Amino acid sequence: MSFTERLWARIAPIRAAIDELPFLGALADGSLPRERFDHYLRQDALYLGQYARVLARVASLADDPDELVFWAERARDSIVVERALHARHVDVMADAVASPSCAAYTSFLLAQSHGEYGVAATSVLPCFWIYQDVGERILAAAGDLTNHPYGDWIGTYADPAFAEQTLRVRAIVDRVAEQGDGSLRGRMASAGEQAGRYEWMFWDAAWRMEAWPV
């Protein structure tokens, strides 16, 4: 097994918990209340603003020119492409404040992006891979998206181009892990596992419409 395959197996309990989240079930069948979806989109837009900075930082750490270009392009997509999709649904910046889960997740990623290349790259892998995995299964469950209220959103994460990007991230992480020592691989695996937990927290927070308690 490759490093990323072992990581995927390691976070299997987290992925199983994600599959059980009510937000994703309601998103798939179209019953998700609009206010919950809008709350999610605003939080995701705030997340992407920081995520783009994380990807730009990962690019700056890259030790391969092609990988630097790849990460820089993904940083651009996070702002230009993804936020355009958000804007078709909601005014993403209208009174938007990052929730505790959103703030925690982005703070974690930013911290990882100021360290080692392999750790930084692994920390963003779950955002690619879990979204691709969830998106493909939601698409299968939803069926025809023509009249689905969230069809354009579901289609984005089940897009073949997104799957190709996920494979590229996996290849980068596997390369760095293979070239590193056991200590580095341990730090990379811990970062990937923690990011997987934050993926669960982000969707759970959207369902609860999480806000700051005080």
N, C-alpha and C. Protein backbone atom coordinates (compact mmCIF):
# COMPACT_ATOMS: atom_id res chain seq x y z
N MET A 1 0.84 -1.20 0.00
CA MET A 1 0.00 0.00 0.00
C MET A 1 0.87 1.25 0.00
N SER A 2 0.42 2.26 -0.70
CA SER A 2 1.12 3.54 -0.69
C SER A 2 0.83 4.27 0.63
N PHE A 3 1.57 5.35 0.87
CA PHE A 3 1.35 6.14 2.08
C PHE A 3 -0.09 6.65 2.13
N THR A 4 -0.58 7.20 1.02
CA THR A 4 -1.93 7.76 1.05
C THR A 4 -3.00 6.67 1.21
N GLU A 5 -2.75 5.49 0.69
CA GLU A 5 -3.69 4.39 0.90
C GLU A 5 -3.73 3.99 2.37
N ARG A 6 -2.58 3.98 3.01
CA ARG A 6 -2.54 3.67 4.44
C ARG A 6 -3.23 4.77 5.25
N LEU A 7 -3.04 6.02 4.84
CA LEU A 7 -3.72 7.12 5.53
C LEU A 7 -5.23 7.01 5.36
N TRP A 8 -5.67 6.66 4.15
CA TRP A 8 -7.11 6.51 3.89
C TRP A 8 -7.71 5.44 4.79
N ALA A 9 -6.96 4.34 4.97
CA ALA A 9 -7.42 3.28 5.86
C ALA A 9 -7.42 3.75 7.31
N ARG A 10 -6.43 4.53 7.67
CA ARG A 10 -6.31 5.03 9.04
C ARG A 10 -7.50 5.91 9.42
N ILE A 11 -7.99 6.70 8.48
CA ILE A 11 -9.11 7.60 8.79
C ILE A 11 -10.45 7.00 8.43
N ALA A 12 -10.51 5.69 8.23
CA ALA A 12 -11.78 5.03 7.89
C ALA A 12 -12.87 5.31 8.92
N PRO A 13 -12.58 5.29 10.24
CA PRO A 13 -13.65 5.61 11.20
C PRO A 13 -14.17 7.05 11.04
N ILE A 14 -13.28 7.97 10.70
CA ILE A 14 -13.71 9.35 10.49
C ILE A 14 -14.60 9.43 9.25
N ARG A 15 -14.19 8.74 8.18
CA ARG A 15 -14.97 8.75 6.95
C ARG A 15 -16.34 8.12 7.17
N ALA A 16 -16.39 7.07 7.98
CA ALA A 16 -17.68 6.44 8.28
C ALA A 16 -18.59 7.40 9.04
N ALA A 17 -18.01 8.16 9.96
CA ALA A 17 -18.79 9.15 10.70
C ALA A 17 -19.28 10.26 9.79
N ILE A 18 -18.46 10.64 8.82
CA ILE A 18 -18.88 11.66 7.85
C ILE A 18 -20.08 11.16 7.05
N ASP A 19 -20.06 9.91 6.64
CA ASP A 19 -21.15 9.34 5.86
C ASP A 19 -22.49 9.40 6.60
N GLU A 20 -22.42 9.40 7.92
CA GLU A 20 -23.64 9.38 8.74
C GLU A 20 -24.16 10.77 9.07
N LEU A 21 -23.45 11.80 8.65
CA LEU A 21 -23.88 13.16 9.00
C LEU A 21 -25.21 13.51 8.34
N PRO A 22 -26.15 14.06 9.10
CA PRO A 22 -27.45 14.40 8.53
C PRO A 22 -27.37 15.47 7.44
N PHE A 23 -26.38 16.35 7.52
CA PHE A 23 -26.23 17.39 6.50
C PHE A 23 -26.07 16.76 5.13
N LEU A 24 -25.22 15.76 5.02
CA LEU A 24 -24.92 15.16 3.72
C LEU A 24 -26.09 14.33 3.20
N GLY A 25 -26.78 13.64 4.10
CA GLY A 25 -27.96 12.89 3.67
C GLY A 25 -29.04 13.80 3.12
N ALA A 26 -29.27 14.91 3.80
CA ALA A 26 -30.29 15.87 3.34
C ALA A 26 -29.85 16.59 2.08
N LEU A 27 -28.54 16.82 1.94
CA LEU A 27 -28.03 17.44 0.72
C LEU A 27 -28.27 16.52 -0.47
N ALA A 28 -28.03 15.23 -0.29
CA ALA A 28 -28.19 14.28 -1.38
C ALA A 28 -29.63 14.19 -1.86
N ASP A 29 -30.59 14.13 -0.93
CA ASP A 29 -31.99 13.94 -1.36
C ASP A 29 -32.71 15.26 -1.60
N GLY A 30 -32.01 16.37 -1.42
CA GLY A 30 -32.60 17.67 -1.71
C GLY A 30 -33.47 18.24 -0.61
N SER A 31 -33.52 17.56 0.54
CA SER A 31 -34.38 18.02 1.62
C SER A 31 -33.68 18.98 2.57
N LEU A 32 -32.42 19.28 2.33
CA LEU A 32 -31.67 20.16 3.21
C LEU A 32 -32.32 21.54 3.24
N PRO A 33 -32.69 22.03 4.43
CA PRO A 33 -33.28 23.36 4.52
C PRO A 33 -32.35 24.43 3.93
N ARG A 34 -32.96 25.35 3.23
CA ARG A 34 -32.16 26.36 2.54
C ARG A 34 -31.29 27.16 3.50
N GLU A 35 -31.79 27.46 4.70
CA GLU A 35 -31.01 28.26 5.62
C GLU A 35 -29.75 27.52 6.08
N ARG A 36 -29.83 26.21 6.18
CA ARG A 36 -28.64 25.44 6.55
C ARG A 36 -27.64 25.42 5.39
N PHE A 37 -28.12 25.27 4.17
CA PHE A 37 -27.23 25.29 3.02
C PHE A 37 -26.56 26.64 2.88
N ASP A 38 -27.34 27.72 3.05
CA ASP A 38 -26.76 29.06 2.94
C ASP A 38 -25.72 29.31 4.02
N HIS A 39 -26.01 28.82 5.23
CA HIS A 39 -25.04 28.96 6.31
C HIS A 39 -23.75 28.24 5.95
N TYR A 40 -23.89 27.03 5.40
CA TYR A 40 -22.73 26.26 4.97
C TYR A 40 -21.93 27.01 3.91
N LEU A 41 -22.61 27.57 2.92
CA LEU A 41 -21.92 28.27 1.84
C LEU A 41 -21.15 29.48 2.35
N ARG A 42 -21.73 30.22 3.26
CA ARG A 42 -21.02 31.38 3.79
C ARG A 42 -19.77 30.95 4.56
N GLN A 43 -19.92 29.89 5.35
CA GLN A 43 -18.76 29.39 6.07
C GLN A 43 -17.71 28.85 5.10
N ASP A 44 -18.15 28.19 4.05
CA ASP A 44 -17.22 27.64 3.08
C ASP A 44 -16.48 28.75 2.34
N ALA A 45 -17.19 29.84 2.07
CA ALA A 45 -16.54 30.98 1.41
C ALA A 45 -15.45 31.57 2.30
N LEU A 46 -15.76 31.69 3.59
CA LEU A 46 -14.75 32.18 4.53
C LEU A 46 -13.57 31.21 4.62
N TYR A 47 -13.90 29.93 4.62
CA TYR A 47 -12.86 28.90 4.63
C TYR A 47 -11.96 29.03 3.41
N LEU A 48 -12.57 29.18 2.24
CA LEU A 48 -11.79 29.24 1.00
C LEU A 48 -10.86 30.45 0.95
N GLY A 49 -11.28 31.54 1.56
CA GLY A 49 -10.42 32.71 1.60
C GLY A 49 -9.09 32.40 2.30
N GLN A 50 -9.16 31.62 3.37
CA GLN A 50 -7.95 31.22 4.08
C GLN A 50 -7.28 30.03 3.40
N TYR A 51 -8.08 29.13 2.85
CA TYR A 51 -7.55 27.94 2.18
C TYR A 51 -6.68 28.33 0.99
N ALA A 52 -7.07 29.36 0.27
CA ALA A 52 -6.27 29.83 -0.86
C ALA A 52 -4.89 30.28 -0.38
N ARG A 53 -4.85 30.93 0.76
CA ARG A 53 -3.56 31.34 1.33
C ARG A 53 -2.73 30.12 1.73
N VAL A 54 -3.42 29.11 2.26
CA VAL A 54 -2.72 27.87 2.62
C VAL A 54 -2.10 27.23 1.38
N LEU A 55 -2.88 27.13 0.31
CA LEU A 55 -2.36 26.52 -0.92
C LEU A 55 -1.20 27.33 -1.50
N ALA A 56 -1.30 28.64 -1.40
CA ALA A 56 -0.19 29.47 -1.87
C ALA A 56 1.06 29.22 -1.03
N ARG A 57 0.89 29.01 0.27
CA ARG A 57 2.01 28.69 1.13
C ARG A 57 2.59 27.33 0.77
N VAL A 58 1.73 26.36 0.50
CA VAL A 58 2.22 25.04 0.09
C VAL A 58 3.03 25.17 -1.19
N ALA A 59 2.54 25.99 -2.11
CA ALA A 59 3.29 26.23 -3.35
C ALA A 59 4.68 26.76 -3.05
N SER A 60 4.78 27.66 -2.10
CA SER A 60 6.08 28.26 -1.78
C SER A 60 7.03 27.25 -1.15
N LEU A 61 6.48 26.16 -0.59
CA LEU A 61 7.31 25.13 0.02
C LEU A 61 7.72 24.05 -0.97
N ALA A 62 7.05 24.01 -2.13
CA ALA A 62 7.28 22.94 -3.10
C ALA A 62 8.73 22.90 -3.55
N ASP A 63 9.24 21.66 -3.65
CA ASP A 63 10.62 21.49 -4.11
C ASP A 63 10.69 21.05 -5.57
N ASP A 64 9.56 21.11 -6.25
CA ASP A 64 9.49 20.73 -7.66
C ASP A 64 8.73 21.83 -8.40
N PRO A 65 9.25 22.36 -9.51
CA PRO A 65 8.58 23.47 -10.21
C PRO A 65 7.16 23.14 -10.67
N ASP A 66 6.95 21.93 -11.18
CA ASP A 66 5.61 21.55 -11.63
C ASP A 66 4.63 21.51 -10.47
N GLU A 67 5.08 21.06 -9.33
CA GLU A 67 4.22 21.02 -8.15
C GLU A 67 3.91 22.43 -7.66
N LEU A 68 4.90 23.30 -7.74
CA LEU A 68 4.66 24.70 -7.36
C LEU A 68 3.54 25.29 -8.21
N VAL A 69 3.59 25.05 -9.53
CA VAL A 69 2.55 25.56 -10.43
C VAL A 69 1.20 24.95 -10.09
N PHE A 70 1.18 23.66 -9.81
CA PHE A 70 -0.08 22.99 -9.47
C PHE A 70 -0.73 23.63 -8.25
N TRP A 71 0.04 23.80 -7.19
CA TRP A 71 -0.54 24.39 -5.97
C TRP A 71 -0.98 25.83 -6.19
N ALA A 72 -0.20 26.58 -6.95
CA ALA A 72 -0.56 27.97 -7.22
C ALA A 72 -1.87 28.05 -8.01
N GLU A 73 -2.05 27.14 -8.96
CA GLU A 73 -3.29 27.11 -9.73
C GLU A 73 -4.48 26.74 -8.85
N ARG A 74 -4.27 25.83 -7.91
CA ARG A 74 -5.35 25.45 -7.00
C ARG A 74 -5.71 26.62 -6.08
N ALA A 75 -4.70 27.40 -5.69
CA ALA A 75 -4.97 28.58 -4.87
C ALA A 75 -5.85 29.57 -5.64
N ARG A 76 -5.53 29.76 -6.91
CA ARG A 76 -6.33 30.65 -7.75
C ARG A 76 -7.75 30.13 -7.88
N ASP A 77 -7.89 28.82 -8.14
CA ASP A 77 -9.22 28.23 -8.28
C ASP A 77 -10.07 28.44 -7.03
N SER A 78 -9.45 28.36 -5.87
CA SER A 78 -10.19 28.51 -4.62
C SER A 78 -10.88 29.86 -4.52
N ILE A 79 -10.26 30.87 -5.10
CA ILE A 79 -10.83 32.20 -5.05
C ILE A 79 -11.74 32.47 -6.25
N VAL A 80 -11.24 32.20 -7.45
CA VAL A 80 -11.94 32.60 -8.67
C VAL A 80 -13.09 31.65 -9.01
N VAL A 81 -12.81 30.36 -9.03
CA VAL A 81 -13.81 29.38 -9.48
C VAL A 81 -14.79 29.03 -8.38
N GLU A 82 -14.26 28.62 -7.23
CA GLU A 82 -15.13 28.16 -6.16
C GLU A 82 -16.03 29.26 -5.63
N ARG A 83 -15.47 30.45 -5.43
CA ARG A 83 -16.30 31.51 -4.85
C ARG A 83 -17.33 32.02 -5.85
N ALA A 84 -17.08 31.86 -7.14
CA ALA A 84 -18.10 32.22 -8.12
C ALA A 84 -19.31 31.30 -7.97
N LEU A 85 -19.06 30.02 -7.68
CA LEU A 85 -20.14 29.08 -7.44
C LEU A 85 -20.92 29.47 -6.19
N HIS A 86 -20.23 29.87 -5.14
CA HIS A 86 -20.91 30.33 -3.93
C HIS A 86 -21.80 31.52 -4.24
N ALA A 87 -21.27 32.46 -5.00
CA ALA A 87 -21.98 33.71 -5.26
C ALA A 87 -23.28 33.50 -6.04
N ARG A 88 -23.40 32.38 -6.76
CA ARG A 88 -24.64 32.10 -7.47
C ARG A 88 -25.77 31.75 -6.52
N HIS A 89 -25.41 31.41 -5.29
CA HIS A 89 -26.43 31.01 -4.32
C HIS A 89 -26.69 32.08 -3.26
N VAL A 90 -25.62 32.68 -2.72
CA VAL A 90 -25.80 33.61 -1.60
C VAL A 90 -24.83 34.78 -1.75
N ASP A 91 -25.15 35.84 -1.00
CA ASP A 91 -24.20 36.93 -0.82
C ASP A 91 -23.23 36.44 0.24
N VAL A 92 -22.10 35.93 -0.19
CA VAL A 92 -21.24 35.17 0.72
C VAL A 92 -20.63 36.02 1.82
N MET A 93 -20.56 37.32 1.64
CA MET A 93 -19.93 38.14 2.66
C MET A 93 -20.93 38.93 3.49
N ALA A 94 -22.20 38.67 3.34
CA ALA A 94 -23.21 39.41 4.09
C ALA A 94 -23.19 39.00 5.56
N ASP A 95 -22.62 39.84 6.41
CA ASP A 95 -22.56 39.59 7.85
C ASP A 95 -21.94 38.25 8.19
N ALA A 96 -21.01 37.79 7.39
CA ALA A 96 -20.41 36.47 7.59
C ALA A 96 -19.28 36.55 8.60
N VAL A 97 -19.35 35.67 9.60
CA VAL A 97 -18.32 35.54 10.62
C VAL A 97 -17.94 34.07 10.69
N ALA A 98 -16.67 33.78 10.66
CA ALA A 98 -16.23 32.38 10.71
C ALA A 98 -16.70 31.73 12.00
N SER A 99 -17.31 30.57 11.88
CA SER A 99 -17.76 29.80 13.03
C SER A 99 -16.56 29.26 13.79
N PRO A 100 -16.76 28.76 15.02
CA PRO A 100 -15.63 28.16 15.74
C PRO A 100 -14.97 27.03 14.97
N SER A 101 -15.75 26.17 14.32
CA SER A 101 -15.17 25.06 13.56
C SER A 101 -14.40 25.55 12.35
N CYS A 102 -14.95 26.54 11.65
CA CYS A 102 -14.27 27.10 10.49
C CYS A 102 -12.96 27.76 10.91
N ALA A 103 -13.00 28.54 11.98
CA ALA A 103 -11.80 29.23 12.45
C ALA A 103 -10.75 28.22 12.90
N ALA A 104 -11.18 27.16 13.57
CA ALA A 104 -10.23 26.15 14.04
C ALA A 104 -9.58 25.41 12.87
N TYR A 105 -10.38 25.06 11.88
CA TYR A 105 -9.87 24.31 10.73
C TYR A 105 -8.85 25.15 9.94
N THR A 106 -9.22 26.38 9.64
CA THR A 106 -8.31 27.22 8.86
C THR A 106 -7.06 27.56 9.65
N SER A 107 -7.19 27.75 10.96
CA SER A 107 -6.01 28.02 11.78
C SER A 107 -5.07 26.82 11.76
N PHE A 108 -5.63 25.62 11.82
CA PHE A 108 -4.82 24.41 11.76
C PHE A 108 -4.07 24.33 10.44
N LEU A 109 -4.78 24.54 9.33
CA LEU A 109 -4.14 24.45 8.02
C LEU A 109 -3.06 25.51 7.84
N LEU A 110 -3.33 26.71 8.28
CA LEU A 110 -2.33 27.77 8.17
C LEU A 110 -1.08 27.43 8.98
N ALA A 111 -1.27 26.84 10.16
CA ALA A 111 -0.12 26.45 10.97
C ALA A 111 0.71 25.39 10.26
N GLN A 112 0.02 24.40 9.64
CA GLN A 112 0.75 23.34 8.94
C GLN A 112 1.50 23.90 7.73
N SER A 113 0.94 24.92 7.11
CA SER A 113 1.55 25.48 5.90
C SER A 113 2.81 26.28 6.18
N HIS A 114 3.11 26.51 7.45
CA HIS A 114 4.34 27.21 7.81
C HIS A 114 5.40 26.24 8.31
N GLY A 115 5.21 24.96 8.01
CA GLY A 115 6.17 23.95 8.42
C GLY A 115 6.80 23.24 7.25
N GLU A 116 6.76 21.91 7.29
CA GLU A 116 7.38 21.09 6.27
C GLU A 116 6.46 20.87 5.07
N TYR A 117 7.05 20.77 3.91
CA TYR A 117 6.26 20.58 2.68
C TYR A 117 5.36 19.36 2.76
N GLY A 118 5.91 18.22 3.16
CA GLY A 118 5.12 17.00 3.21
C GLY A 118 3.96 17.09 4.18
N VAL A 119 4.19 17.69 5.32
CA VAL A 119 3.13 17.85 6.32
C VAL A 119 2.06 18.81 5.81
N ALA A 120 2.49 19.91 5.22
CA ALA A 120 1.54 20.88 4.68
C ALA A 120 0.68 20.27 3.58
N ALA A 121 1.31 19.53 2.67
CA ALA A 121 0.57 18.91 1.56
C ALA A 121 -0.41 17.87 2.08
N THR A 122 -0.01 17.09 3.07
CA THR A 122 -0.90 16.07 3.62
C THR A 122 -2.07 16.69 4.36
N SER A 123 -1.87 17.84 4.96
CA SER A 123 -2.96 18.48 5.71
C SER A 123 -4.09 18.94 4.79
N VAL A 124 -3.78 19.24 3.51
CA VAL A 124 -4.85 19.66 2.60
C VAL A 124 -5.41 18.49 1.79
N LEU A 125 -4.77 17.32 1.88
CA LEU A 125 -5.26 16.17 1.13
C LEU A 125 -6.70 15.79 1.46
N PRO A 126 -7.12 15.73 2.74
CA PRO A 126 -8.51 15.37 3.02
C PRO A 126 -9.54 16.30 2.39
N CYS A 127 -9.20 17.58 2.26
CA CYS A 127 -10.14 18.51 1.63
C CYS A 127 -10.38 18.12 0.18
N PHE A 128 -9.36 17.63 -0.48
CA PHE A 128 -9.53 17.13 -1.85
C PHE A 128 -10.21 15.77 -1.85
N TRP A 129 -9.64 14.81 -1.15
CA TRP A 129 -10.03 13.41 -1.30
C TRP A 129 -11.39 13.12 -0.67
N ILE A 130 -11.63 13.62 0.53
CA ILE A 130 -12.93 13.38 1.17
C ILE A 130 -14.04 14.05 0.39
N TYR A 131 -13.80 15.27 -0.10
CA TYR A 131 -14.83 15.94 -0.89
C TYR A 131 -15.12 15.19 -2.18
N GLN A 132 -14.07 14.70 -2.82
CA GLN A 132 -14.28 13.93 -4.04
C GLN A 132 -15.09 12.66 -3.75
N ASP A 133 -14.69 11.96 -2.71
CA ASP A 133 -15.35 10.71 -2.33
C ASP A 133 -16.82 10.95 -1.97
N VAL A 134 -17.05 11.94 -1.13
CA VAL A 134 -18.42 12.26 -0.72
C VAL A 134 -19.23 12.75 -1.92
N GLY A 135 -18.62 13.59 -2.74
CA GLY A 135 -19.33 14.12 -3.90
C GLY A 135 -19.78 13.05 -4.86
N GLU A 136 -18.92 12.08 -5.11
CA GLU A 136 -19.28 11.00 -6.04
C GLU A 136 -20.43 10.17 -5.49
N ARG A 137 -20.42 9.89 -4.19
CA ARG A 137 -21.49 9.08 -3.61
C ARG A 137 -22.79 9.86 -3.46
N ILE A 138 -22.70 11.16 -3.21
CA ILE A 138 -23.91 11.99 -3.18
C ILE A 138 -24.52 12.04 -4.57
N LEU A 139 -23.66 12.16 -5.59
CA LEU A 139 -24.16 12.18 -6.96
C LEU A 139 -24.88 10.89 -7.29
N ALA A 140 -24.32 9.76 -6.88
CA ALA A 140 -24.95 8.47 -7.14
C ALA A 140 -26.30 8.37 -6.43
N ALA A 141 -26.37 8.91 -5.21
CA ALA A 141 -27.61 8.86 -4.45
C ALA A 141 -28.66 9.83 -4.98
N ALA A 142 -28.20 10.98 -5.46
CA ALA A 142 -29.13 12.02 -5.93
C ALA A 142 -29.71 11.70 -7.30
N GLY A 143 -28.93 10.99 -8.14
CA GLY A 143 -29.42 10.67 -9.48
C GLY A 143 -29.36 11.89 -10.39
N ASP A 144 -30.42 12.10 -11.14
CA ASP A 144 -30.48 13.21 -12.08
C ASP A 144 -30.47 14.54 -11.32
N LEU A 145 -29.52 15.41 -11.66
CA LEU A 145 -29.37 16.68 -10.95
C LEU A 145 -30.11 17.83 -11.63
N THR A 146 -30.82 17.55 -12.72
CA THR A 146 -31.43 18.61 -13.50
C THR A 146 -32.32 19.51 -12.65
N ASN A 147 -33.15 18.91 -11.82
CA ASN A 147 -34.08 19.69 -11.00
C ASN A 147 -33.71 19.66 -9.52
N HIS A 148 -32.51 19.20 -9.24
CA HIS A 148 -32.07 19.14 -7.84
C HIS A 148 -31.74 20.55 -7.36
N PRO A 149 -32.22 20.97 -6.17
CA PRO A 149 -31.98 22.35 -5.73
C PRO A 149 -30.50 22.68 -5.53
N TYR A 150 -29.69 21.65 -5.30
CA TYR A 150 -28.26 21.88 -5.09
C TYR A 150 -27.42 21.14 -6.12
N GLY A 151 -27.99 20.94 -7.29
CA GLY A 151 -27.34 20.14 -8.32
C GLY A 151 -26.01 20.69 -8.78
N ASP A 152 -25.90 22.02 -8.94
CA ASP A 152 -24.63 22.57 -9.40
C ASP A 152 -23.53 22.38 -8.37
N TRP A 153 -23.90 22.45 -7.10
CA TRP A 153 -22.93 22.25 -6.04
C TRP A 153 -22.45 20.81 -6.01
N ILE A 154 -23.38 19.87 -6.08
CA ILE A 154 -23.02 18.45 -6.06
C ILE A 154 -22.15 18.11 -7.26
N GLY A 155 -22.51 18.66 -8.42
CA GLY A 155 -21.77 18.36 -9.63
C GLY A 155 -20.33 18.81 -9.58
N THR A 156 -20.05 19.89 -8.87
CA THR A 156 -18.68 20.39 -8.79
C THR A 156 -17.75 19.39 -8.16
N TYR A 157 -18.18 18.78 -7.08
CA TYR A 157 -17.30 17.88 -6.34
C TYR A 157 -17.31 16.45 -6.88
N ALA A 158 -18.20 16.19 -7.84
CA ALA A 158 -18.18 14.89 -8.52
C ALA A 158 -17.60 15.05 -9.92
N ASP A 159 -16.97 16.19 -10.18
CA ASP A 159 -16.41 16.49 -11.49
C ASP A 159 -15.13 15.68 -11.72
N PRO A 160 -14.96 15.08 -12.92
CA PRO A 160 -13.74 14.32 -13.20
C PRO A 160 -12.47 15.15 -13.04
N ALA A 161 -12.52 16.44 -13.33
CA ALA A 161 -11.34 17.30 -13.19
C ALA A 161 -10.92 17.38 -11.73
N PHE A 162 -11.90 17.42 -10.84
CA PHE A 162 -11.58 17.47 -9.41
C PHE A 162 -10.96 16.15 -8.97
N ALA A 163 -11.45 15.05 -9.53
CA ALA A 163 -10.86 13.74 -9.23
C ALA A 163 -9.41 13.68 -9.68
N GLU A 164 -9.11 14.26 -10.83
CA GLU A 164 -7.73 14.29 -11.32
C GLU A 164 -6.84 15.11 -10.39
N GLN A 165 -7.36 16.21 -9.90
CA GLN A 165 -6.58 17.02 -8.97
C GLN A 165 -6.30 16.25 -7.68
N THR A 166 -7.28 15.50 -7.22
CA THR A 166 -7.09 14.70 -6.02
C THR A 166 -5.99 13.66 -6.23
N LEU A 167 -5.98 13.03 -7.39
CA LEU A 167 -4.93 12.06 -7.70
C LEU A 167 -3.56 12.72 -7.72
N ARG A 168 -3.50 13.95 -8.21
CA ARG A 168 -2.22 14.66 -8.25
C ARG A 168 -1.74 14.96 -6.83
N VAL A 169 -2.64 15.39 -5.96
CA VAL A 169 -2.25 15.65 -4.58
C VAL A 169 -1.76 14.37 -3.92
N ARG A 170 -2.47 13.27 -4.15
CA ARG A 170 -2.04 11.99 -3.60
C ARG A 170 -0.64 11.62 -4.09
N ALA A 171 -0.40 11.83 -5.38
CA ALA A 171 0.91 11.48 -5.94
C ALA A 171 2.02 12.32 -5.31
N ILE A 172 1.74 13.60 -5.08
CA ILE A 172 2.73 14.47 -4.45
C ILE A 172 3.02 13.99 -3.03
N VAL A 173 1.97 13.73 -2.28
CA VAL A 173 2.13 13.29 -0.90
C VAL A 173 2.87 11.96 -0.84
N ASP A 174 2.52 11.04 -1.74
CA ASP A 174 3.20 9.74 -1.76
C ASP A 174 4.68 9.90 -2.08
N ARG A 175 4.99 10.79 -3.02
CA ARG A 175 6.40 10.99 -3.38
C ARG A 175 7.21 11.51 -2.20
N VAL A 176 6.66 12.52 -1.53
CA VAL A 176 7.38 13.11 -0.41
C VAL A 176 7.52 12.10 0.73
N ALA A 177 6.45 11.34 0.98
CA ALA A 177 6.49 10.34 2.05
C ALA A 177 7.53 9.27 1.76
N GLU A 178 7.60 8.83 0.51
CA GLU A 178 8.55 7.78 0.13
C GLU A 178 9.99 8.25 0.28
N GLN A 179 10.22 9.52 -0.01
CA GLN A 179 11.57 10.06 0.06
C GLN A 179 11.98 10.45 1.49
N GLY A 180 10.98 10.56 2.39
CA GLY A 180 11.27 10.95 3.76
C GLY A 180 11.52 9.77 4.67
N ASP A 181 11.77 10.06 5.93
CA ASP A 181 11.99 8.99 6.90
C ASP A 181 10.71 8.70 7.68
N GLY A 182 10.81 7.74 8.59
CA GLY A 182 9.63 7.34 9.35
C GLY A 182 9.06 8.45 10.20
N SER A 183 9.94 9.31 10.73
CA SER A 183 9.48 10.42 11.55
C SER A 183 8.63 11.39 10.74
N LEU A 184 9.09 11.72 9.53
CA LEU A 184 8.33 12.61 8.66
C LEU A 184 6.98 11.99 8.31
N ARG A 185 6.99 10.72 7.95
CA ARG A 185 5.73 10.06 7.60
C ARG A 185 4.76 10.06 8.77
N GLY A 186 5.27 9.94 9.98
CA GLY A 186 4.40 10.01 11.15
C GLY A 186 3.75 11.37 11.29
N ARG A 187 4.54 12.42 11.09
CA ARG A 187 3.98 13.78 11.18
C ARG A 187 2.97 14.04 10.07
N MET A 188 3.26 13.52 8.89
CA MET A 188 2.33 13.68 7.77
C MET A 188 1.01 12.96 8.06
N ALA A 189 1.10 11.74 8.57
CA ALA A 189 -0.11 10.97 8.86
C ALA A 189 -0.95 11.65 9.94
N SER A 190 -0.31 12.19 10.95
CA SER A 190 -1.04 12.89 12.02
C SER A 190 -1.76 14.12 11.49
N ALA A 191 -1.08 14.85 10.59
CA ALA A 191 -1.71 16.04 10.00
C ALA A 191 -2.91 15.66 9.15
N GLY A 192 -2.78 14.59 8.36
CA GLY A 192 -3.90 14.16 7.52
C GLY A 192 -5.08 13.69 8.34
N GLU A 193 -4.79 12.97 9.42
CA GLU A 193 -5.87 12.48 10.28
C GLU A 193 -6.60 13.65 10.95
N GLN A 194 -5.85 14.62 11.45
CA GLN A 194 -6.48 15.77 12.10
C GLN A 194 -7.32 16.56 11.10
N ALA A 195 -6.84 16.72 9.89
CA ALA A 195 -7.62 17.42 8.87
C ALA A 195 -8.91 16.67 8.57
N GLY A 196 -8.85 15.35 8.58
CA GLY A 196 -10.07 14.56 8.39
C GLY A 196 -11.10 14.83 9.47
N ARG A 197 -10.63 14.97 10.71
CA ARG A 197 -11.55 15.30 11.81
C ARG A 197 -12.20 16.66 11.57
N TYR A 198 -11.40 17.61 11.10
CA TYR A 198 -11.96 18.94 10.84
C TYR A 198 -12.98 18.91 9.71
N GLU A 199 -12.80 18.01 8.73
CA GLU A 199 -13.81 17.88 7.68
C GLU A 199 -15.15 17.47 8.30
N TRP A 200 -15.12 16.51 9.21
CA TRP A 200 -16.35 16.10 9.90
C TRP A 200 -16.94 17.29 10.65
N MET A 201 -16.11 17.99 11.38
CA MET A 201 -16.58 19.10 12.20
C MET A 201 -17.22 20.19 11.35
N PHE A 202 -16.67 20.44 10.16
CA PHE A 202 -17.17 21.51 9.32
C PHE A 202 -18.60 21.23 8.86
N TRP A 203 -18.86 20.00 8.39
CA TRP A 203 -20.22 19.65 7.97
C TRP A 203 -21.18 19.57 9.16
N ASP A 204 -20.71 19.05 10.26
CA ASP A 204 -21.55 18.99 11.45
C ASP A 204 -21.94 20.39 11.90
N ALA A 205 -20.98 21.31 11.86
CA ALA A 205 -21.25 22.68 12.25
C ALA A 205 -22.28 23.33 11.35
N ALA A 206 -22.25 22.98 10.05
CA ALA A 206 -23.22 23.55 9.12
C ALA A 206 -24.63 23.08 9.46
N TRP A 207 -24.77 21.81 9.81
CA TRP A 207 -26.09 21.28 10.17
C TRP A 207 -26.64 21.97 11.41
N ARG A 208 -25.75 22.23 12.37
CA ARG A 208 -26.15 22.88 13.62
C ARG A 208 -26.21 24.40 13.47
N MET A 209 -25.80 24.92 12.31
CA MET A 209 -25.68 26.36 12.09
C MET A 209 -24.89 26.99 13.23
N GLU A 210 -23.74 26.41 13.44
CA GLU A 210 -22.89 26.78 14.58
C GLU A 210 -22.55 28.27 14.59
N ALA A 211 -22.61 28.84 15.76
CA ALA A 211 -22.22 30.24 15.96
C ALA A 211 -21.44 30.32 17.27
N TRP A 212 -20.80 31.46 17.47
CA TRP A 212 -20.06 31.63 18.71
C TRP A 212 -21.04 31.76 19.89
N PRO A 213 -20.77 31.07 21.00
CA PRO A 213 -21.73 31.06 22.11
C PRO A 213 -21.86 32.40 22.83
N VAL A 214 -20.82 33.22 22.78
CA VAL A 214 -20.88 34.52 23.45
C VAL A 214 -20.27 35.57 22.53
